Amino acid sequence: MNLLANSQNLLPYDGEVYYLKDFLPEDRLTGYFDHLFNKIDWKNDEVWLFGKKITTARKTAWYGDQGLTYTYSKVSRTALTWTGGLSELKNKIEETTGQQFNACLLNLYHNGLEGVSWHSDNEKELGKNPVIASLSLGAERNFVFKHKLTKQKVALCLASGSLLVMKGTCQHHWVHALPKSKKVTQPRINLTFRKIITNI
């Protein structure tokens, strides 16, 4: 059942973004968060920035179907095998969105001092108009879109248990960011489910 059909597109033009605030039931949030926090093989992320290889404070993990690789920020990663909890969440998101996913990039932000700067998820492995489903658990965080040409911004607060779906031409025309905030003292886990195309 595709629940996005009854949702409002948050972008005014040039793409589609849908937000389901209460995607996961409140009584399951702690269990999912604890499972991911303790069972995922978290590692500090490595990215290339201004010609230098930088190790980030936030931690990441890459899970997916066997043998899948994904390259972003000039670093290639090979997918780890799905955990039971990740598979359960993937199936639920696929039922809700009507989309199929074969990989998931996870981020662990220990507090509001860790964030992500402006970027688009436009790597060639994701295809022309990728569908990316972003699940949030833990601390609420602000999330912002900015149009590449007009500079118009669309901001929202990502609640624990919420699902944000980016699709259509969103990655062509908009960048997005998770701003840092000294007010946030608790950790947040973010899961971005993706479809990696292997026959490029």
C-alpha atoms as a PDB file:
ATOM      1  CA  MET A   1       0.000   0.000   0.000  1.00  0.00           C
ATOM      2  CA  ASN A   2       1.606   3.237  -1.162  1.00  0.00           C
ATOM      3  CA  LEU A   3       0.880   5.784   1.572  1.00  0.00           C
ATOM      4  CA  LEU A   4       2.710   8.531  -0.309  1.00  0.00           C
ATOM      5  CA  ALA A   5      -0.252   8.944  -2.671  1.00  0.00           C
ATOM      6  CA  ASN A   6      -2.150  10.760   0.078  1.00  0.00           C
ATOM      7  CA  SER A   7       0.816  12.885   1.179  1.00  0.00           C
ATOM      8  CA  GLN A   8       1.587  16.458   0.146  1.00  0.00           C
ATOM      9  CA  ASN A   9       4.727  17.235  -1.852  1.00  0.00           C
ATOM     10  CA  LEU A  10       6.855  19.550   0.324  1.00  0.00           C
ATOM     11  CA  LEU A  11       8.780  21.011  -2.617  1.00  0.00           C
ATOM     12  CA  PRO A  12       7.171  23.885  -4.553  1.00  0.00           C
ATOM     13  CA  TYR A  13       8.719  22.797  -7.873  1.00  0.00           C
ATOM     14  CA  ASP A  14      11.482  20.730  -9.508  1.00  0.00           C
ATOM     15  CA  GLY A  15      11.161  17.540  -7.478  1.00  0.00           C
ATOM     16  CA  GLU A  16       9.188  15.567  -4.920  1.00  0.00           C
ATOM     17  CA  VAL A  17       9.622  15.176  -1.153  1.00  0.00           C
ATOM     18  CA  TYR A  18       7.103  13.466   1.114  1.00  0.00           C
ATOM     19  CA  TYR A  19       7.093  13.309   4.914  1.00  0.00           C
ATOM     20  CA  LEU A  20       5.343  10.741   7.121  1.00  0.00           C
ATOM     21  CA  LYS A  21       5.791  11.909  10.715  1.00  0.00           C
ATOM     22  CA  ASP A  22       4.399   8.845  12.508  1.00  0.00           C
ATOM     23  CA  PHE A  23       5.744   6.159  10.203  1.00  0.00           C
ATOM     24  CA  LEU A  24       6.874   3.911  13.082  1.00  0.00           C
ATOM     25  CA  PRO A  25       4.685   3.293  16.160  1.00  0.00           C
ATOM     26  CA  GLU A  26       5.883   5.142  19.250  1.00  0.00           C
ATOM     27  CA  ASP A  27       6.140   1.966  21.350  1.00  0.00           C
ATOM     28  CA  ARG A  28       8.707   0.497  18.906  1.00  0.00           C
ATOM     29  CA  LEU A  29      11.059   3.479  18.658  1.00  0.00           C
ATOM     30  CA  THR A  30      13.281   2.624  21.625  1.00  0.00           C
ATOM     31  CA  GLY A  31      13.624  -0.995  20.537  1.00  0.00           C
ATOM     32  CA  TYR A  32      14.621  -0.106  16.987  1.00  0.00           C
ATOM     33  CA  PHE A  33      17.066   2.569  18.175  1.00  0.00           C
ATOM     34  CA  ASP A  34      18.749   0.218  20.679  1.00  0.00           C
ATOM     35  CA  HIS A  35      19.045  -2.542  18.076  1.00  0.00           C
ATOM     36  CA  LEU A  36      20.695  -0.233  15.554  1.00  0.00           C
ATOM     37  CA  PHE A  37      22.919   1.506  18.100  1.00  0.00           C
ATOM     38  CA  ASN A  38      24.277  -1.793  19.462  1.00  0.00           C
ATOM     39  CA  LYS A  39      24.156  -4.202  16.508  1.00  0.00           C
ATOM     40  CA  ILE A  40      25.300  -2.078  13.570  1.00  0.00           C
ATOM     41  CA  ASP A  41      29.010  -2.154  12.692  1.00  0.00           C
ATOM     42  CA  TRP A  42      29.546   1.593  13.034  1.00  0.00           C
ATOM     43  CA  LYS A  43      32.752   3.225  11.781  1.00  0.00           C
ATOM     44  CA  ASN A  44      33.912   6.827  11.450  1.00  0.00           C
ATOM     45  CA  ASP A  45      33.250   8.014   7.930  1.00  0.00           C
ATOM     46  CA  GLU A  46      36.046   9.071   5.575  1.00  0.00           C
ATOM     47  CA  VAL A  47      35.439  11.741   2.939  1.00  0.00           C
ATOM     48  CA  TRP A  48      37.549  13.843   0.593  1.00  0.00           C
ATOM     49  CA  LEU A  49      37.204  17.569   1.191  1.00  0.00           C
ATOM     50  CA  PHE A  50      39.273  20.198  -0.622  1.00  0.00           C
ATOM     51  CA  GLY A  51      41.744  17.529  -1.692  1.00  0.00           C
ATOM     52  CA  LYS A  52      42.250  16.104   1.787  1.00  0.00           C
ATOM     53  CA  LYS A  53      40.963  12.861   3.289  1.00  0.00           C
ATOM     54  CA  ILE A  54      39.016  13.702   6.455  1.00  0.00           C
ATOM     55  CA  THR A  55      37.660  11.384   9.148  1.00  0.00           C
ATOM     56  CA  THR A  56      34.268  12.595  10.346  1.00  0.00           C
ATOM     57  CA  ALA A  57      33.018  12.646  13.924  1.00  0.00           C
ATOM     58  CA  ARG A  58      29.762  10.994  12.910  1.00  0.00           C
ATOM     59  CA  LYS A  59      29.791   7.265  12.279  1.00  0.00           C
ATOM     60  CA  THR A  60      28.374   5.435   9.290  1.00  0.00           C
ATOM     61  CA  ALA A  61      27.617   1.933   8.056  1.00  0.00           C
ATOM     62  CA  TRP A  62      26.719   0.491   4.655  1.00  0.00           C
ATOM     63  CA  TYR A  63      24.421  -2.527   4.435  1.00  0.00           C
ATOM     64  CA  GLY A  64      22.768  -4.171   1.452  1.00  0.00           C
ATOM     65  CA  ASP A  65      22.445  -7.137  -0.848  1.00  0.00           C
ATOM     66  CA  GLN A  66      25.549  -9.299  -1.180  1.00  0.00           C
ATOM     67  CA  GLY A  67      28.422  -7.783  -3.142  1.00  0.00           C
ATOM     68  CA  LEU A  68      26.975  -4.303  -3.583  1.00  0.00           C
ATOM     69  CA  THR A  69      29.455  -1.437  -3.635  1.00  0.00           C
ATOM     70  CA  TYR A  70      28.763   2.279  -3.390  1.00  0.00           C
ATOM     71  CA  THR A  71      31.096   5.240  -3.952  1.00  0.00           C
ATOM     72  CA  TYR A  72      30.546   8.711  -2.530  1.00  0.00           C
ATOM     73  CA  SER A  73      33.049  11.417  -1.575  1.00  0.00           C
ATOM     74  CA  LYS A  74      35.568   9.415  -3.638  1.00  0.00           C
ATOM     75  CA  VAL A  75      35.501   6.477  -1.188  1.00  0.00           C
ATOM     76  CA  SER A  76      34.126   3.045  -2.173  1.00  0.00           C
ATOM     77  CA  ARG A  77      32.306   0.841   0.312  1.00  0.00           C
ATOM     78  CA  THR A  78      31.180  -2.808   0.116  1.00  0.00           C
ATOM     79  CA  ALA A  79      27.836  -3.634   1.717  1.00  0.00           C
ATOM     80  CA  LEU A  80      27.581  -5.637   4.926  1.00  0.00           C
ATOM     81  CA  THR A  81      24.856  -8.307   5.226  1.00  0.00           C
ATOM     82  CA  TRP A  82      21.416  -7.116   6.328  1.00  0.00           C
ATOM     83  CA  THR A  83      20.599  -7.537  10.017  1.00  0.00           C
ATOM     84  CA  GLY A  84      17.180  -8.836  11.032  1.00  0.00           C
ATOM     85  CA  GLY A  85      16.134  -5.404  12.257  1.00  0.00           C
ATOM     86  CA  LEU A  86      17.275  -3.680   9.051  1.00  0.00           C
ATOM     87  CA  SER A  87      15.443  -6.214   6.885  1.00  0.00           C
ATOM     88  CA  GLU A  88      12.271  -5.666   8.899  1.00  0.00           C
ATOM     89  CA  LEU A  89      12.491  -1.897   8.428  1.00  0.00           C
ATOM     90  CA  LYS A  90      13.309  -2.258   4.726  1.00  0.00           C
ATOM     91  CA  ASN A  91      10.252  -4.435   4.135  1.00  0.00           C
ATOM     92  CA  LYS A  92       8.002  -1.981   5.940  1.00  0.00           C
ATOM     93  CA  ILE A  93       9.343   0.969   3.943  1.00  0.00           C
ATOM     94  CA  GLU A  94       8.969  -0.927   0.665  1.00  0.00           C
ATOM     95  CA  GLU A  95       5.335  -1.705   1.496  1.00  0.00           C
ATOM     96  CA  THR A  96       4.688   1.943   2.336  1.00  0.00           C
ATOM     97  CA  THR A  97       6.419   3.517  -0.667  1.00  0.00           C
ATOM     98  CA  GLY A  98       5.799   0.914  -3.337  1.00  0.00           C
ATOM     99  CA  GLN A  99       9.539   1.013  -4.112  1.00  0.00           C
ATOM    100  CA  GLN A 100      12.223  -1.670  -3.904  1.00  0.00           C
ATOM    101  CA  PHE A 101      15.549  -1.012  -2.164  1.00  0.00           C
ATOM    102  CA  ASN A 102      18.726  -3.089  -2.128  1.00  0.00           C
ATOM    103  CA  ALA A 103      20.983  -1.013   0.145  1.00  0.00           C
ATOM    104  CA  CYS A 104      21.007   1.275   3.158  1.00  0.00           C
ATOM    105  CA  LEU A 105      23.477   3.952   4.257  1.00  0.00           C
ATOM    106  CA  LEU A 106      23.256   4.565   8.018  1.00  0.00           C
ATOM    107  CA  ASN A 107      24.510   7.598   9.933  1.00  0.00           C
ATOM    108  CA  LEU A 108      25.001   7.948  13.678  1.00  0.00           C
ATOM    109  CA  TYR A 109      25.092  11.538  14.952  1.00  0.00           C
ATOM    110  CA  HIS A 110      26.155  11.565  18.589  1.00  0.00           C
ATOM    111  CA  ASN A 111      24.713  15.047  19.187  1.00  0.00           C
ATOM    112  CA  GLY A 112      23.897  18.304  17.432  1.00  0.00           C
ATOM    113  CA  LEU A 113      27.558  19.193  16.932  1.00  0.00           C
ATOM    114  CA  GLU A 114      27.604  16.607  14.136  1.00  0.00           C
ATOM    115  CA  GLY A 115      25.764  17.309  10.889  1.00  0.00           C
ATOM    116  CA  VAL A 116      26.023  17.193   7.107  1.00  0.00           C
ATOM    117  CA  SER A 117      26.684  20.129   4.763  1.00  0.00           C
ATOM    118  CA  TRP A 118      24.836  20.894   1.513  1.00  0.00           C
ATOM    119  CA  HIS A 119      24.855  18.052  -1.014  1.00  0.00           C
ATOM    120  CA  SER A 120      22.753  16.063  -3.476  1.00  0.00           C
ATOM    121  CA  ASP A 121      22.539  12.281  -3.612  1.00  0.00           C
ATOM    122  CA  ASN A 122      23.355  12.163  -7.316  1.00  0.00           C
ATOM    123  CA  GLU A 123      25.970   9.413  -7.637  1.00  0.00           C
ATOM    124  CA  LYS A 124      25.696   7.501 -10.917  1.00  0.00           C
ATOM    125  CA  GLU A 125      24.970   4.203  -9.121  1.00  0.00           C
ATOM    126  CA  LEU A 126      21.630   5.658  -7.955  1.00  0.00           C
ATOM    127  CA  GLY A 127      20.286   6.176 -11.465  1.00  0.00           C
ATOM    128  CA  LYS A 128      18.736   9.219 -13.141  1.00  0.00           C
ATOM    129  CA  ASN A 129      15.878  10.001 -10.727  1.00  0.00           C
ATOM    130  CA  PRO A 130      16.578   8.020  -7.541  1.00  0.00           C
ATOM    131  CA  VAL A 131      14.054   7.318  -4.814  1.00  0.00           C
ATOM    132  CA  ILE A 132      15.643   7.642  -1.377  1.00  0.00           C
ATOM    133  CA  ALA A 133      13.733   6.815   1.800  1.00  0.00           C
ATOM    134  CA  SER A 134      15.211   8.390   4.937  1.00  0.00           C
ATOM    135  CA  LEU A 135      14.169   7.039   8.345  1.00  0.00           C
ATOM    136  CA  SER A 136      14.966   8.970  11.553  1.00  0.00           C
ATOM    137  CA  LEU A 137      15.330   7.586  15.081  1.00  0.00           C
ATOM    138  CA  GLY A 138      16.386   9.390  18.245  1.00  0.00           C
ATOM    139  CA  ALA A 139      16.826  13.137  18.630  1.00  0.00           C
ATOM    140  CA  GLU A 140      14.715  15.458  16.492  1.00  0.00           C
ATOM    141  CA  ARG A 141      16.816  17.391  13.984  1.00  0.00           C
ATOM    142  CA  ASN A 142      16.169  20.204  11.546  1.00  0.00           C
ATOM    143  CA  PHE A 143      16.572  19.330   7.865  1.00  0.00           C
ATOM    144  CA  VAL A 144      16.760  21.849   5.014  1.00  0.00           C
ATOM    145  CA  PHE A 145      16.424  21.777   1.224  1.00  0.00           C
ATOM    146  CA  LYS A 146      17.826  24.561  -0.986  1.00  0.00           C
ATOM    147  CA  HIS A 147      17.133  25.000  -4.688  1.00  0.00           C
ATOM    148  CA  LYS A 148      20.344  25.102  -6.709  1.00  0.00           C
ATOM    149  CA  LEU A 149      19.281  28.064  -8.872  1.00  0.00           C
ATOM    150  CA  THR A 150      16.651  30.090  -7.002  1.00  0.00           C
ATOM    151  CA  LYS A 151      18.206  29.422  -3.541  1.00  0.00           C
ATOM    152  CA  GLN A 152      14.699  29.008  -2.089  1.00  0.00           C
ATOM    153  CA  LYS A 153      14.745  26.932   1.087  1.00  0.00           C
ATOM    154  CA  VAL A 154      12.302  24.400   2.522  1.00  0.00           C
ATOM    155  CA  ALA A 155      12.907  23.382   6.146  1.00  0.00           C
ATOM    156  CA  LEU A 156      11.305  20.797   8.403  1.00  0.00           C
ATOM    157  CA  CYS A 157      11.931  19.005  11.689  1.00  0.00           C
ATOM    158  CA  LEU A 158      12.572  15.262  11.412  1.00  0.00           C
ATOM    159  CA  ALA A 159      10.858  13.508  14.318  1.00  0.00           C
ATOM    160  CA  SER A 160      11.903  10.149  15.722  1.00  0.00           C
ATOM    161  CA  GLY A 161      10.098   7.429  13.799  1.00  0.00           C
ATOM    162  CA  SER A 162       9.472   9.641  10.767  1.00  0.00           C
ATOM    163  CA  LEU A 163      10.058   8.773   7.118  1.00  0.00           C
ATOM    164  CA  LEU A 164      11.200  11.290   4.482  1.00  0.00           C
ATOM    165  CA  VAL A 165      11.062  10.211   0.834  1.00  0.00           C
ATOM    166  CA  MET A 166      12.922  12.087  -1.906  1.00  0.00           C
ATOM    167  CA  LYS A 167      12.060  11.225  -5.512  1.00  0.00           C
ATOM    168  CA  GLY A 168      11.546  12.538  -9.036  1.00  0.00           C
ATOM    169  CA  THR A 169      13.998  15.256 -10.090  1.00  0.00           C
ATOM    170  CA  CYS A 170      14.723  16.322  -6.492  1.00  0.00           C
ATOM    171  CA  GLN A 171      18.440  15.450  -6.609  1.00  0.00           C
ATOM    172  CA  HIS A 172      18.924  17.375  -9.887  1.00  0.00           C
ATOM    173  CA  HIS A 173      17.550  20.688  -8.630  1.00  0.00           C
ATOM    174  CA  TRP A 174      17.895  20.695  -4.834  1.00  0.00           C
ATOM    175  CA  VAL A 175      20.633  20.209  -2.265  1.00  0.00           C
ATOM    176  CA  HIS A 176      19.911  19.242   1.328  1.00  0.00           C
ATOM    177  CA  ALA A 177      21.685  19.517   4.673  1.00  0.00           C
ATOM    178  CA  LEU A 178      21.456  18.555   8.333  1.00  0.00           C
ATOM    179  CA  PRO A 179      22.549  21.752  10.146  1.00  0.00           C
ATOM    180  CA  LYS A 180      24.530  21.553  13.357  1.00  0.00           C
ATOM    181  CA  SER A 181      22.864  22.701  16.588  1.00  0.00           C
ATOM    182  CA  LYS A 182      24.289  23.160  20.071  1.00  0.00           C
ATOM    183  CA  LYS A 183      20.770  22.675  21.467  1.00  0.00           C
ATOM    184  CA  VAL A 184      20.689  18.994  20.491  1.00  0.00           C
ATOM    185  CA  THR A 185      22.419  16.825  23.100  1.00  0.00           C
ATOM    186  CA  GLN A 186      21.042  13.367  22.271  1.00  0.00           C
ATOM    187  CA  PRO A 187      22.056  10.966  19.482  1.00  0.00           C
ATOM    188  CA  ARG A 188      20.189  10.440  16.222  1.00  0.00           C
ATOM    189  CA  ILE A 189      20.328   7.494  13.842  1.00  0.00           C
ATOM    190  CA  ASN A 190      19.413   8.036  10.201  1.00  0.00           C
ATOM    191  CA  LEU A 191      18.831   5.247   7.673  1.00  0.00           C
ATOM    192  CA  THR A 192      18.699   6.097   3.962  1.00  0.00           C
ATOM    193  CA  PHE A 193      17.381   3.222   1.864  1.00  0.00           C
ATOM    194  CA  ARG A 194      18.465   3.283  -1.783  1.00  0.00           C
ATOM    195  CA  LYS A 195      18.345   1.278  -5.005  1.00  0.00           C
ATOM    196  CA  ILE A 196      21.858   0.739  -6.357  1.00  0.00           C
ATOM    197  CA  ILE A 197      22.023   0.053 -10.098  1.00  0.00           C
ATOM    198  CA  THR A 198      24.718  -2.512 -10.812  1.00  0.00           C
ATOM    199  CA  ASN A 199      24.662  -2.649 -14.626  1.00  0.00           C
ATOM    200  CA  ILE A 200      25.784   0.916 -15.369  1.00  0.00           C
END
